[in-house]
PDB file of N, CA and C in Angstrom:
ATOM      1  N   MET A   1     129.001 104.533 110.707  1.00  0.00           N
ATOM      2  CA  MET A   1     127.766 104.973 110.687  1.00  0.00           C
ATOM      3  C   MET A   1     127.026 105.265 109.217  1.00  0.00           C
ATOM      4  N   ASN A   2     125.991 104.499 108.198  1.00  0.00           N
ATOM      5  CA  ASN A   2     126.615 104.963 107.260  1.00  0.00           C
ATOM      6  C   ASN A   2     125.250 105.322 107.044  1.00  0.00           C
ATOM      7  N   ASP A   3     123.974 104.439 107.890  1.00  0.00           N
ATOM      8  CA  ASP A   3     122.503 104.506 108.083  1.00  0.00           C
ATOM      9  C   ASP A   3     121.971 105.147 108.871  1.00  0.00           C
ATOM     10  N   ALA A   4     120.942 105.940 109.178  1.00  0.00           N
ATOM     11  CA  ALA A   4     120.609 106.204 110.292  1.00  0.00           C
ATOM     12  C   ALA A   4     119.228 105.560 110.547  1.00  0.00           C
ATOM     13  N   ARG A   5     119.184 104.533 110.856  1.00  0.00           N
ATOM     14  CA  ARG A   5     118.761 103.353 111.124  1.00  0.00           C
ATOM     15  C   ARG A   5     119.277 102.702 111.324  1.00  0.00           C
ATOM     16  N   THR A   6     120.825 102.007 111.403  1.00  0.00           N
ATOM     17  CA  THR A   6     121.816 101.754 111.922  1.00  0.00           C
ATOM     18  C   THR A   6     122.535 102.211 113.072  1.00  0.00           C
ATOM     19  N   ALA A   7     122.610 103.658 113.432  1.00  0.00           N
ATOM     20  CA  ALA A   7     123.093 104.509 113.724  1.00  0.00           C
ATOM     21  C   ALA A   7     123.301 103.906 115.411  1.00  0.00           C
ATOM     22  N   HIS A   8     124.109 103.984 116.175  1.00  0.00           N
ATOM     23  CA  HIS A   8     124.729 103.538 116.930  1.00  0.00           C
ATOM     24  C   HIS A   8     125.651 104.100 117.683  1.00  0.00           C
ATOM     25  N   TYR A   9     125.330 104.524 119.023  1.00  0.00           N
ATOM     26  CA  TYR A   9     126.545 105.630 119.269  1.00  0.00           C
ATOM     27  C   TYR A   9     127.475 104.752 120.995  1.00  0.00           C
ATOM     28  N   ASP A  10     128.721 104.712 120.575  1.00  0.00           N
ATOM     29  CA  ASP A  10     129.381 103.571 121.203  1.00  0.00           C
ATOM     30  C   ASP A  10     130.269 103.627 122.305  1.00  0.00           C
ATOM     31  N   GLY A  11     130.099 105.618 122.697  1.00  0.00           N
ATOM     32  CA  GLY A  11     130.558 105.678 123.970  1.00  0.00           C
ATOM     33  C   GLY A  11     131.763 107.105 123.177  1.00  0.00           C
ATOM     34  N   THR A  12     132.607 107.150 122.996  1.00  0.00           N
ATOM     35  CA  THR A  12     133.707 108.129 121.593  1.00  0.00           C
ATOM     36  C   THR A  12     133.409 108.701 120.937  1.00  0.00           C
ATOM     37  N   MET A  13     133.506 110.120 121.308  1.00  0.00           N
ATOM     38  CA  MET A  13     132.837 111.571 120.847  1.00  0.00           C
ATOM     39  C   MET A  13     133.599 111.924 120.014  1.00  0.00           C
ATOM     40  N   ASP A  14     134.098 112.037 118.805  1.00  0.00           N
ATOM     41  CA  ASP A  14     135.306 112.978 118.259  1.00  0.00           C
ATOM     42  C   ASP A  14     134.651 114.044 117.377  1.00  0.00           C
ATOM     43  N   THR A  15     135.140 115.186 117.555  1.00  0.00           N
ATOM     44  CA  THR A  15     134.601 116.408 116.656  1.00  0.00           C
ATOM     45  C   THR A  15     134.264 116.242 115.198  1.00  0.00           C
ATOM     46  N   GLU A  16     134.603 115.240 114.851  1.00  0.00           N
ATOM     47  CA  GLU A  16     134.397 115.610 113.553  1.00  0.00           C
ATOM     48  C   GLU A  16     133.372 114.584 112.591  1.00  0.00           C
ATOM     49  N   SER A  17     133.393 113.747 113.181  1.00  0.00           N
ATOM     50  CA  SER A  17     132.046 112.629 113.428  1.00  0.00           C
ATOM     51  C   SER A  17     130.520 112.849 114.095  1.00  0.00           C
ATOM     52  N   SER A  18     130.951 113.824 115.606  1.00  0.00           N
ATOM     53  CA  SER A  18     129.800 113.826 116.430  1.00  0.00           C
ATOM     54  C   SER A  18     129.155 114.462 115.459  1.00  0.00           C
ATOM     55  N   SER A  19     129.139 115.851 114.372  1.00  0.00           N
ATOM     56  CA  SER A  19     127.783 116.736 114.159  1.00  0.00           C
ATOM     57  C   SER A  19     127.503 115.140 113.222  1.00  0.00           C
ATOM     58  N   ASP A  20     127.551 114.352 112.005  1.00  0.00           N
ATOM     59  CA  ASP A  20     127.288 113.726 111.570  1.00  0.00           C
ATOM     60  C   ASP A  20     126.654 112.622 111.791  1.00  0.00           C
ATOM     61  N   ASP A  21     126.870 111.723 113.410  1.00  0.00           N
ATOM     62  CA  ASP A  21     126.046 111.134 114.013  1.00  0.00           C
ATOM     63  C   ASP A  21     124.994 111.461 114.255  1.00  0.00           C
ATOM     64  N   ILE A  22     124.898 112.723 115.074  1.00  0.00           N
ATOM     65  CA  ILE A  22     123.709 113.507 115.263  1.00  0.00           C
ATOM     66  C   ILE A  22     122.868 113.846 114.291  1.00  0.00           C
ATOM     67  N   ALA A  23     123.407 114.163 113.391  1.00  0.00           N
ATOM     68  CA  ALA A  23     122.662 114.635 112.069  1.00  0.00           C
ATOM     69  C   ALA A  23     121.809 113.050 111.770  1.00  0.00           C
ATOM     70  N   LEU A  24     122.339 111.976 111.528  1.00  0.00           N
ATOM     71  CA  LEU A  24     122.088 110.834 111.482  1.00  0.00           C
ATOM     72  C   LEU A  24     120.746 110.258 112.274  1.00  0.00           C
ATOM     73  N   ILE A  25     121.000 110.031 113.399  1.00  0.00           N
ATOM     74  CA  ILE A  25     120.147 110.622 114.382  1.00  0.00           C
ATOM     75  C   ILE A  25     118.754 111.319 114.664  1.00  0.00           C
ATOM     76  N   GLU A  26     119.036 112.960 114.242  1.00  0.00           N
ATOM     77  CA  GLU A  26     118.101 113.254 113.581  1.00  0.00           C
ATOM     78  C   GLU A  26     117.055 113.131 112.971  1.00  0.00           C
ATOM     79  N   ALA A  27     117.870 112.173 111.735  1.00  0.00           N
ATOM     80  CA  ALA A  27     117.300 112.003 110.978  1.00  0.00           C
ATOM     81  C   ALA A  27     116.206 111.052 111.072  1.00  0.00           C
ATOM     82  N   ARG A  28     116.454 110.041 111.620  1.00  0.00           N
ATOM     83  CA  ARG A  28     115.997 109.336 112.352  1.00  0.00           C
ATOM     84  C   ARG A  28     115.246 108.941 113.238  1.00  0.00           C
ATOM     85  N   ILE A  29     115.068 110.347 114.072  1.00  0.00           N
ATOM     86  CA  ILE A  29     114.104 110.982 115.255  1.00  0.00           C
ATOM     87  C   ILE A  29     113.062 111.205 113.575  1.00  0.00           C
ATOM     88  N   GLU A  30     112.650 111.921 113.223  1.00  0.00           N
ATOM     89  CA  GLU A  30     112.203 112.590 112.306  1.00  0.00           C
ATOM     90  C   GLU A  30     111.155 111.271 111.655  1.00  0.00           C
ATOM     91  N   GLU A  31     111.883 110.548 111.161  1.00  0.00           N
ATOM     92  CA  GLU A  31     112.043 109.176 110.784  1.00  0.00           C
ATOM     93  C   GLU A  31     110.316 108.390 111.143  1.00  0.00           C
ATOM     94  N   LEU A  32     111.135 108.424 112.719  1.00  0.00           N
ATOM     95  CA  LEU A  32     110.143 107.754 113.590  1.00  0.00           C
ATOM     96  C   LEU A  32     108.896 108.571 113.857  1.00  0.00           C
ATOM     97  N   SER A  33     108.757 110.196 113.455  1.00  0.00           N
ATOM     98  CA  SER A  33     107.423 110.464 114.363  1.00  0.00           C
ATOM     99  C   SER A  33     106.777 110.853 112.461  1.00  0.00           C
ATOM    100  N   GLU A  34     107.007 110.900 111.345  1.00  0.00           N
ATOM    101  CA  GLU A  34     106.243 110.312 110.879  1.00  0.00           C
ATOM    102  C   GLU A  34     105.495 109.064 110.493  1.00  0.00           C
ATOM    103  N   ALA A  35     106.063 108.182 111.227  1.00  0.00           N
ATOM    104  CA  ALA A  35     105.512 106.983 111.478  1.00  0.00           C
ATOM    105  C   ALA A  35     104.328 106.790 112.255  1.00  0.00           C
ATOM    106  N   ILE A  36     104.874 107.288 113.256  1.00  0.00           N
ATOM    107  CA  ILE A  36     103.676 107.815 114.939  1.00  0.00           C
ATOM    108  C   ILE A  36     103.205 108.747 113.945  1.00  0.00           C
ATOM    109  N   GLU A  37     103.175 109.325 113.367  1.00  0.00           N
ATOM    110  CA  GLU A  37     101.722 110.378 112.480  1.00  0.00           C
ATOM    111  C   GLU A  37     101.012 109.374 111.403  1.00  0.00           C
ATOM    112  N   ARG A  38     101.724 107.922 110.790  1.00  0.00           N
ATOM    113  CA  ARG A  38     100.949 107.792 109.675  1.00  0.00           C
ATOM    114  C   ARG A  38      99.909 106.710 110.811  1.00  0.00           C
ATOM    115  N   CYS A  39     100.918 105.815 111.865  1.00  0.00           N
ATOM    116  CA  CYS A  39     100.057 105.292 112.618  1.00  0.00           C
ATOM    117  C   CYS A  39      98.286 105.883 113.625  1.00  0.00           C
ATOM    118  N   ARG A  40      99.089 107.009 113.465  1.00  0.00           N
ATOM    119  CA  ARG A  40      97.726 107.937 114.489  1.00  0.00           C
ATOM    120  C   ARG A  40      96.371 108.133 113.252  1.00  0.00           C
ATOM    121  N   LYS A  41      96.386 108.262 112.269  1.00  0.00           N
ATOM    122  CA  LYS A  41      95.946 108.654 110.802  1.00  0.00           C
ATOM    123  C   LYS A  41      95.417 107.087 111.076  1.00  0.00           C
ATOM    124  N   LEU A  42      96.225 105.755 110.981  1.00  0.00           N
ATOM    125  CA  LEU A  42      95.213 105.188 110.881  1.00  0.00           C
ATOM    126  C   LEU A  42      94.662 104.228 111.653  1.00  0.00           C
ATOM    127  N   SER A  43      95.024 104.648 112.493  1.00  0.00           N
ATOM    128  CA  SER A  43      93.802 104.415 114.049  1.00  0.00           C
ATOM    129  C   SER A  43      92.716 104.819 113.831  1.00  0.00           C
ATOM    130  N   VAL A  44      92.782 106.251 113.448  1.00  0.00           N
ATOM    131  CA  VAL A  44      91.390 106.863 112.758  1.00  0.00           C
ATOM    132  C   VAL A  44      90.233 106.106 112.304  1.00  0.00           C
ATOM    133  N   VAL A  45      91.707 106.027 111.252  1.00  0.00           N
ATOM    134  CA  VAL A  45      90.972 104.978 109.734  1.00  0.00           C
ATOM    135  C   VAL A  45      89.907 103.908 110.384  1.00  0.00           C
ATOM    136  N   ALA A  46      90.654 103.343 111.355  1.00  0.00           N
ATOM    137  CA  ALA A  46      90.232 101.809 111.415  1.00  0.00           C
ATOM    138  C   ALA A  46      89.005 101.787 112.960  1.00  0.00           C
ATOM    139  N   ARG A  47      89.202 102.701 113.739  1.00  0.00           N
ATOM    140  CA  ARG A  47      88.235 103.208 114.243  1.00  0.00           C
ATOM    141  C   ARG A  47      86.825 103.549 113.661  1.00  0.00           C
ATOM    142  N   ILE A  48      87.057 104.134 112.314  1.00  0.00           N
ATOM    143  CA  ILE A  48      85.836 104.794 111.584  1.00  0.00           C
ATOM    144  C   ILE A  48      85.183 103.310 111.007  1.00  0.00           C
ATOM    145  N   VAL A  49      86.037 102.428 110.362  1.00  0.00           N
ATOM    146  CA  VAL A  49      85.742 101.327 109.910  1.00  0.00           C
ATOM    147  C   VAL A  49      84.810 100.078 110.616  1.00  0.00           C
ATOM    148  N   ILE A  50      85.502 100.057 112.054  1.00  0.00           N
ATOM    149  CA  ILE A  50      84.679  99.383 113.037  1.00  0.00           C
ATOM    150  C   ILE A  50      83.325  99.820 113.255  1.00  0.00           C
ATOM    151  N   GLY A  51      83.292 101.363 113.539  1.00  0.00           N
ATOM    152  CA  GLY A  51      81.848 102.009 113.800  1.00  0.00           C
ATOM    153  C   GLY A  51      81.289 101.711 113.033  1.00  0.00           C
ATOM    154  N   ALA A  52      81.324 101.755 111.445  1.00  0.00           N
ATOM    155  CA  ALA A  52      80.376 102.271 110.334  1.00  0.00           C
ATOM    156  C   ALA A  52      80.283 100.290 110.067  1.00  0.00           C
ATOM    157  N   GLY A  53      81.020  99.322 110.439  1.00  0.00           N
ATOM    158  CA  GLY A  53      80.498  98.061 111.124  1.00  0.00           C
ATOM    159  C   GLY A  53      79.337  96.990 111.277  1.00  0.00           C
ATOM    160  N   ALA A  54      79.874  97.813 112.620  1.00  0.00           N
ATOM    161  CA  ALA A  54      78.984  97.673 113.842  1.00  0.00           C
ATOM    162  C   ALA A  54      77.718  98.512 113.565  1.00  0.00           C
ATOM    163  N   ALA A  55      77.544  99.489 113.405  1.00  0.00           N
ATOM    164  CA  ALA A  55      76.644 100.690 113.257  1.00  0.00           C
ATOM    165  C   ALA A  55      75.561  99.882 112.290  1.00  0.00           C
ATOM    166  N   TRP A  56      75.824  99.209 111.235  1.00  0.00           N
ATOM    167  CA  TRP A  56      75.345  98.205 110.076  1.00  0.00           C
ATOM    168  C   TRP A  56      74.624  97.081 110.472  1.00  0.00           C
ATOM    169  N   ILE A  57      75.872  96.669 110.835  1.00  0.00           N
ATOM    170  CA  ILE A  57      75.041  95.226 111.383  1.00  0.00           C
ATOM    171  C   ILE A  57      74.383  95.882 112.793  1.00  0.00           C
ATOM    172  N   VAL A  58      73.870  96.727 113.769  1.00  0.00           N
ATOM    173  CA  VAL A  58      72.792  97.369 114.505  1.00  0.00           C
ATOM    174  C   VAL A  58      71.836  97.405 113.702  1.00  0.00           C
ATOM    175  N   LEU A  59      71.897  98.300 112.284  1.00  0.00           N
ATOM    176  CA  LEU A  59      70.865  99.111 112.413  1.00  0.00           C
ATOM    177  C   LEU A  59      70.414  97.508 111.332  1.00  0.00           C
ATOM    178  N   THR A  60      70.928  96.469 110.727  1.00  0.00           N
ATOM    179  CA  THR A  60      69.995  95.751 110.429  1.00  0.00           C
ATOM    180  C   THR A  60      69.378  94.740 111.502  1.00  0.00           C
ATOM    181  N   LEU A  61      69.702  94.575 112.471  1.00  0.00           N
ATOM    182  CA  LEU A  61      69.182  93.546 113.274  1.00  0.00           C
ATOM    183  C   LEU A  61      67.566  94.412 114.245  1.00  0.00           C
ATOM    184  N   VAL A  62      68.133  95.617 113.963  1.00  0.00           N
ATOM    185  CA  VAL A  62      67.429  96.621 114.211  1.00  0.00           C
ATOM    186  C   VAL A  62      65.531  96.363 113.519  1.00  0.00           C
ATOM    187  N   GLY A  63      66.279  96.184 112.462  1.00  0.00           N
ATOM    188  CA  GLY A  63      65.180  96.510 111.318  1.00  0.00           C
ATOM    189  C   GLY A  63      65.301  97.705 110.213  1.00  0.00           C
ATOM    190  N   LEU A  64      65.684  98.717 110.770  1.00  0.00           N
ATOM    191  CA  LEU A  64      65.868  99.794 109.913  1.00  0.00           C
ATOM    192  C   LEU A  64      66.766  99.412 108.562  1.00  0.00           C
ATOM    193  N   ILE A  65      67.461  98.579 108.267  1.00  0.00           N
ATOM    194  CA  ILE A  65      68.499  98.556 107.555  1.00  0.00           C
ATOM    195  C   ILE A  65      67.976  97.115 106.909  1.00  0.00           C
ATOM    196  N   PRO A  66      66.907  96.553 105.897  1.00  0.00           N
ATOM    197  CA  PRO A  66      67.114  95.351 105.388  1.00  0.00           C
ATOM    198  C   PRO A  66      67.684  94.617 104.908  1.00  0.00           C
ATOM    199  N   PHE A  67      67.908  92.904 105.948  1.00  0.00           N
ATOM    200  CA  PHE A  67      68.716  91.952 105.905  1.00  0.00           C
ATOM    201  C   PHE A  67      68.837  91.465 104.055  1.00  0.00           C
ATOM    202  N   TYR A  68      70.126  91.867 104.244  1.00  0.00           N
ATOM    203  CA  TYR A  68      71.270  90.970 102.560  1.00  0.00           C
ATOM    204  C   TYR A  68      72.071  90.149 103.505  1.00  0.00           C
ATOM    205  N   PRO A  69      72.527  89.284 103.232  1.00  0.00           N
ATOM    206  CA  PRO A  69      73.230  88.049 103.401  1.00  0.00           C
ATOM    207  C   PRO A  69      74.860  88.977 103.348  1.00  0.00           C
ATOM    208  N   SER A  70      74.628  89.239 101.814  1.00  0.00           N
ATOM    209  CA  SER A  70      76.015  89.952 101.185  1.00  0.00           C
ATOM    210  C   SER A  70      76.749  91.395 101.922  1.00  0.00           C
ATOM    211  N   THR A  71      75.603  91.551 102.314  1.00  0.00           N
ATOM    212  CA  THR A  71      75.879  93.554 103.040  1.00  0.00           C
ATOM    213  C   THR A  71      76.012  93.078 104.896  1.00  0.00           C
ATOM    214  N   MET A  72      75.656  92.022 105.242  1.00  0.00           N
ATOM    215  CA  MET A  72      76.270  91.577 106.330  1.00  0.00           C
ATOM    216  C   MET A  72      77.019  91.116 106.529  1.00  0.00           C
ATOM    217  N   VAL A  73      78.292  90.011 105.634  1.00  0.00           N
ATOM    218  CA  VAL A  73      79.044  89.696 105.588  1.00  0.00           C
ATOM    219  C   VAL A  73      79.778  90.781 105.400  1.00  0.00           C
ATOM    220  N   ALA A  74      79.374  92.171 104.823  1.00  0.00           N
ATOM    221  CA  ALA A  74      80.513  93.422 104.603  1.00  0.00           C
ATOM    222  C   ALA A  74      80.780  93.751 106.115  1.00  0.00           C
ATOM    223  N   ALA A  75      79.622  94.266 106.180  1.00  0.00           N
ATOM    224  CA  ALA A  75      79.932  94.611 107.672  1.00  0.00           C
ATOM    225  C   ALA A  75      81.248  93.965 109.197  1.00  0.00           C
ATOM    226  N   LEU A  76      80.709  92.625 109.453  1.00  0.00           N
ATOM    227  CA  LEU A  76      80.824  91.465 110.029  1.00  0.00           C
ATOM    228  C   LEU A  76      82.864  92.134 109.233  1.00  0.00           C
ATOM    229  N   ALA A  77      82.949  91.540 108.540  1.00  0.00           N
ATOM    230  CA  ALA A  77      84.026  91.579 108.056  1.00  0.00           C
ATOM    231  C   ALA A  77      85.342  93.175 107.934  1.00  0.00           C
ATOM    232  N   ALA A  78      84.258  93.871 107.835  1.00  0.00           N
ATOM    233  CA  ALA A  78      85.017  95.821 108.053  1.00  0.00           C
ATOM    234  C   ALA A  78      85.346  95.499 109.279  1.00  0.00           C
ATOM    235  N   THR A  79      83.641  94.962 110.197  1.00  0.00           N
ATOM    236  CA  THR A  79      83.969  95.228 111.634  1.00  0.00           C
ATOM    237  C   THR A  79      85.340  93.959 111.997  1.00  0.00           C
ATOM    238  N   LEU A  80      85.607  93.192 112.359  1.00  0.00           N
ATOM    239  CA  LEU A  80      86.519  92.538 112.750  1.00  0.00           C
ATOM    240  C   LEU A  80      87.640  92.991 111.902  1.00  0.00           C
ATOM    241  N   GLY A  81      87.862  93.430 110.720  1.00  0.00           N
ATOM    242  CA  GLY A  81      89.229  93.975 109.794  1.00  0.00           C
ATOM    243  C   GLY A  81      89.629  94.864 110.731  1.00  0.00           C
ATOM    244  N   GLY A  82      88.624  96.006 111.122  1.00  0.00           N
ATOM    245  CA  GLY A  82      88.909  97.221 112.371  1.00  0.00           C
ATOM    246  C   GLY A  82      89.527  97.073 113.378  1.00  0.00           C
ATOM    247  N   ILE A  83      89.685  95.841 113.998  1.00  0.00           N
ATOM    248  CA  ILE A  83      89.728  95.284 115.351  1.00  0.00           C
ATOM    249  C   ILE A  83      90.706  95.064 114.414  1.00  0.00           C
ATOM    250  N   VAL A  84      91.479  93.946 113.992  1.00  0.00           N
ATOM    251  CA  VAL A  84      92.818  93.501 113.639  1.00  0.00           C
ATOM    252  C   VAL A  84      92.980  94.720 113.055  1.00  0.00           C
ATOM    253  N   LEU A  85      93.297  95.494 112.239  1.00  0.00           N
ATOM    254  CA  LEU A  85      93.762  96.791 111.775  1.00  0.00           C
ATOM    255  C   LEU A  85      94.409  97.625 113.769  1.00  0.00           C
ATOM    256  N   LEU A  86      93.253  97.527 114.110  1.00  0.00           N
ATOM    257  CA  LEU A  86      93.963  99.096 114.914  1.00  0.00           C
ATOM    258  C   LEU A  86      94.628  98.165 116.018  1.00  0.00           C
ATOM    259  N   GLY A  87      94.381  96.979 116.244  1.00  0.00           N
ATOM    260  CA  GLY A  87      95.489  95.965 117.146  1.00  0.00           C
ATOM    261  C   GLY A  87      96.818  95.220 116.413  1.00  0.00           C
ATOM    262  N   SER A  88      96.725  95.464 115.635  1.00  0.00           N
ATOM    263  CA  SER A  88      97.960  95.507 115.231  1.00  0.00           C
ATOM    264  C   SER A  88      99.026  96.965 114.864  1.00  0.00           C
ATOM    265  N   ASN A  89      97.902  97.975 114.313  1.00  0.00           N
ATOM    266  CA  ASN A  89      98.668  99.466 114.425  1.00  0.00           C
ATOM    267  C   ASN A  89      99.187  99.906 115.767  1.00  0.00           C
ATOM    268  N   ALA A  90      98.214  99.449 117.052  1.00  0.00           N
ATOM    269  CA  ALA A  90      98.870  99.519 118.182  1.00  0.00           C
ATOM    270  C   ALA A  90     100.291  99.286 118.637  1.00  0.00           C
ATOM    271  N   THR A  91     100.157  97.870 118.427  1.00  0.00           N
ATOM    272  CA  THR A  91     101.689  97.339 118.165  1.00  0.00           C
ATOM    273  C   THR A  91     102.422  97.980 117.564  1.00  0.00           C
ATOM    274  N   THR A  92     102.751  98.441 116.141  1.00  0.00           N
ATOM    275  CA  THR A  92     103.049  99.351 116.085  1.00  0.00           C
ATOM    276  C   THR A  92     103.623 100.840 115.897  1.00  0.00           C
ATOM    277  N   TRP A  93     102.332 101.196 116.865  1.00  0.00           N
ATOM    278  CA  TRP A  93     102.833 102.264 117.602  1.00  0.00           C
ATOM    279  C   TRP A  93     103.645 102.410 118.494  1.00  0.00           C
ATOM    280  N   THR A  94     103.300 101.711 119.168  1.00  0.00           N
ATOM    281  CA  THR A  94     103.772 101.009 120.933  1.00  0.00           C
ATOM    282  C   THR A  94     105.326 101.165 120.188  1.00  0.00           C
ATOM    283  N   GLN A  95     106.040 100.176 119.705  1.00  0.00           N
ATOM    284  CA  GLN A  95     107.397 100.346 119.153  1.00  0.00           C
ATOM    285  C   GLN A  95     107.714 101.560 119.070  1.00  0.00           C
ATOM    286  N   THR A  96     107.521 101.772 117.776  1.00  0.00           N
ATOM    287  CA  THR A  96     107.959 103.446 117.778  1.00  0.00           C
ATOM    288  C   THR A  96     108.227 103.848 118.287  1.00  0.00           C
ATOM    289  N   GLU A  97     106.917 104.393 119.433  1.00  0.00           N
ATOM    290  CA  GLU A  97     107.154 105.243 120.530  1.00  0.00           C
ATOM    291  C   GLU A  97     108.428 104.951 121.027  1.00  0.00           C
ATOM    292  N   GLU A  98     108.710 103.177 121.385  1.00  0.00           N
ATOM    293  CA  GLU A  98     109.639 103.521 122.113  1.00  0.00           C
ATOM    294  C   GLU A  98     111.200 102.955 121.322  1.00  0.00           C
ATOM    295  N   ALA A  99     111.563 103.051 119.580  1.00  0.00           N
ATOM    296  CA  ALA A  99     112.164 103.083 119.517  1.00  0.00           C
ATOM    297  C   ALA A  99     112.457 104.900 119.338  1.00  0.00           C
ATOM    298  N   LEU A 100     111.495 105.356 119.230  1.00  0.00           N
ATOM    299  CA  LEU A 100     111.975 107.068 119.219  1.00  0.00           C
ATOM    300  C   LEU A 100     112.260 107.790 120.425  1.00  0.00           C
ATOM    301  N   HIS A 101     111.884 107.360 121.410  1.00  0.00           N
ATOM    302  CA  HIS A 101     111.663 107.852 123.352  1.00  0.00           C
ATOM    303  C   HIS A 101     113.634 107.314 122.886  1.00  0.00           C
ATOM    304  N   LYS A 102     114.104 106.460 122.618  1.00  0.00           N
ATOM    305  CA  LYS A 102     115.341 106.284 122.561  1.00  0.00           C
ATOM    306  C   LYS A 102     116.807 106.604 121.752  1.00  0.00           C
ATOM    307  N   SER A 103     115.820 106.860 120.331  1.00  0.00           N
ATOM    308  CA  SER A 103     116.957 107.544 120.018  1.00  0.00           C
ATOM    309  C   SER A 103     117.118 109.282 119.909  1.00  0.00           C
ATOM    310  N   GLU A 104     115.692 109.537 120.651  1.00  0.00           N
ATOM    311  CA  GLU A 104     116.332 111.261 121.447  1.00  0.00           C
ATOM    312  C   GLU A 104     116.911 111.106 122.636  1.00  0.00           C
ATOM    313  N   ALA A 105     117.038 109.453 122.857  1.00  0.00           N
ATOM    314  CA  ALA A 105     117.776 109.442 124.635  1.00  0.00           C
ATOM    315  C   ALA A 105     119.201 109.556 124.574  1.00  0.00           C
ATOM    316  N   GLN A 106     119.479 108.575 123.369  1.00  0.00           N
ATOM    317  CA  GLN A 106     120.687 108.754 122.541  1.00  0.00           C
ATOM    318  C   GLN A 106     121.110 110.100 121.837  1.00  0.00           C
ATOM    319  N   ARG A 107     120.551 110.758 121.406  1.00  0.00           N
ATOM    320  CA  ARG A 107     120.772 112.310 120.858  1.00  0.00           C
ATOM    321  C   ARG A 107     121.516 113.076 121.883  1.00  0.00           C
ATOM    322  N   ALA A 108     120.023 112.695 123.436  1.00  0.00           N
ATOM    323  CA  ALA A 108     120.793 113.504 124.303  1.00  0.00           C
ATOM    324  C   ALA A 108     122.318 113.062 124.142  1.00  0.00           C
ATOM    325  N   GLN A 109     122.472 112.174 125.091  1.00  0.00           N
ATOM    326  CA  GLN A 109     123.268 111.921 124.968  1.00  0.00           C
ATOM    327  C   GLN A 109     124.587 112.408 124.312  1.00  0.00           C
ATOM    328  N   MET A 110     124.886 112.219 122.789  1.00  0.00           N
ATOM    329  CA  MET A 110     125.653 112.402 122.706  1.00  0.00           C
ATOM    330  C   MET A 110     125.698 114.366 122.409  1.00  0.00           C
ATOM    331  N   ILE A 111     124.931 114.409 122.433  1.00  0.00           N
ATOM    332  CA  ILE A 111     125.015 116.053 122.410  1.00  0.00           C
ATOM    333  C   ILE A 111     125.920 116.641 123.638  1.00  0.00           C
ATOM    334  N   GLY A 112     125.305 115.733 125.028  1.00  0.00           N
ATOM    335  CA  GLY A 112     125.814 115.879 126.208  1.00  0.00           C
ATOM    336  C   GLY A 112     127.591 115.699 126.056  1.00  0.00           C
ATOM    337  N   GLN A 113     127.635 114.909 125.087  1.00  0.00           N
ATOM    338  CA  GLN A 113     129.699 114.693 125.266  1.00  0.00           C
ATOM    339  C   GLN A 113     129.626 115.147 124.707  1.00  0.00           C
ATOM    340  N   ILE A 114     129.648 115.995 124.203  1.00  0.00           N
ATOM    341  CA  ILE A 114     130.482 117.837 123.397  1.00  0.00           C
ATOM    342  C   ILE A 114     130.642 118.175 124.306  1.00  0.00           C
ATOM    343  N   GLU A 115     131.743 118.479 123.945  1.00  0.00           N
ATOM    344  CA  GLU A 115     132.405 119.543 124.645  1.00  0.00           C
ATOM    345  C   GLU A 115     132.310 120.781 124.179  1.00  0.00           C
ATOM    346  N   MET A 116     131.688 121.991 124.727  1.00  0.00           N
ATOM    347  CA  MET A 116     131.366 122.845 124.056  1.00  0.00           C
ATOM    348  C   MET A 116     132.482 123.843 124.714  1.00  0.00           C
ATOM    349  N   ARG A 117     132.810 124.974 123.716  1.00  0.00           N
ATOM    350  CA  ARG A 117     133.121 126.240 123.763  1.00  0.00           C
ATOM    351  C   ARG A 117     133.426 127.306 124.475  1.00  0.00           C
ATOM    352  N   VAL A 118     133.977 127.699 125.016  1.00  0.00           N
ATOM    353  CA  VAL A 118     133.416 129.098 125.442  1.00  0.00           C
ATOM    354  C   VAL A 118     133.422 130.266 125.436  1.00  0.00           C
ATOM    355  N   VAL A 119     132.805 131.238 124.517  1.00  0.00           N
ATOM    356  CA  VAL A 119     133.236 132.396 123.413  1.00  0.00           C
ATOM    357  C   VAL A 119     133.574 133.078 125.096  1.00  0.00           C
ATOM    358  N   ASP A 120     135.021 133.790 124.441  1.00  0.00           N
ATOM    359  CA  ASP A 120     136.076 135.332 124.797  1.00  0.00           C
ATOM    360  C   ASP A 120     134.253 136.447 125.211  1.00  0.00           C
ATOM    361  N   GLU A 121     133.797 136.623 126.234  1.00  0.00           N
ATOM    362  CA  GLU A 121     132.888 137.765 125.988  1.00  0.00           C
ATOM    363  C   GLU A 121     133.760 139.101 126.305  1.00  0.00           C
ATOM    364  N   THR A 122     135.134 138.755 126.846  1.00  0.00           N
ATOM    365  CA  THR A 122     135.448 140.286 126.883  1.00  0.00           C
ATOM    366  C   THR A 122     135.874 141.019 125.749  1.00  0.00           C
ATOM    367  N   LYS A 123     135.571 140.718 124.749  1.00  0.00           N
ATOM    368  CA  LYS A 123     135.567 141.255 123.594  1.00  0.00           C
ATOM    369  C   LYS A 123     134.372 141.730 122.746  1.00  0.00           C
ATOM    370  N   PRO A 124     133.754 142.178 122.910  1.00  0.00           N
ATOM    371  CA  PRO A 124     132.066 142.775 122.872  1.00  0.00           C
ATOM    372  C   PRO A 124     132.313 143.012 120.976  1.00  0.00           C
ATOM    373  N   ARG A 125     131.675 142.323 120.051  1.00  0.00           N
ATOM    374  CA  ARG A 125     131.849 142.040 118.772  1.00  0.00           C
ATOM    375  C   ARG A 125     130.777 143.244 118.387  1.00  0.00           C
ATOM    376  N   TRP A 126     130.558 143.818 117.582  1.00  0.00           N
ATOM    377  CA  TRP A 126     129.088 144.548 117.157  1.00  0.00           C
ATOM    378  C   TRP A 126     129.011 143.814 115.601  1.00  0.00           C
ATOM    379  N   LEU A 127     127.678 143.463 115.501  1.00  0.00           N
ATOM    380  CA  LEU A 127     127.394 142.923 113.656  1.00  0.00           C
ATOM    381  C   LEU A 127     127.170 144.332 112.957  1.00  0.00           C
ATOM    382  N   HIS A 128     127.299 144.937 112.847  1.00  0.00           N
ATOM    383  CA  HIS A 128     127.052 146.287 112.368  1.00  0.00           C
ATOM    384  C   HIS A 128     128.270 147.470 112.532  1.00  0.00           C
TER     385      HIS A 128
END
């Protein structure tokens, strides 16, 4: 497991590699979380672009803004581009969330496979 993107748990657990494998998966989870945050921001931008383009078209049709072919084409392009961006971003967001959930489940499974040591409580240790 050299790369966090290709980390795959095969069901075996040894103490030397388990913490490294979990660290790789946690790095992958962090990358996926950042990607989801970018998708969220891009979604907001796409919705603003759709709203602005649609508002411009409506205001032109109502007559509050004078009709110019170039601005109408720009408003249509903004609206359609925003719709395409929102759809593409939604697909990416969904796929990224699925990968995040799989990575989190994989991490939980790996942590569950680690044999934890029981700390001896008969001898109290003082920190000071």
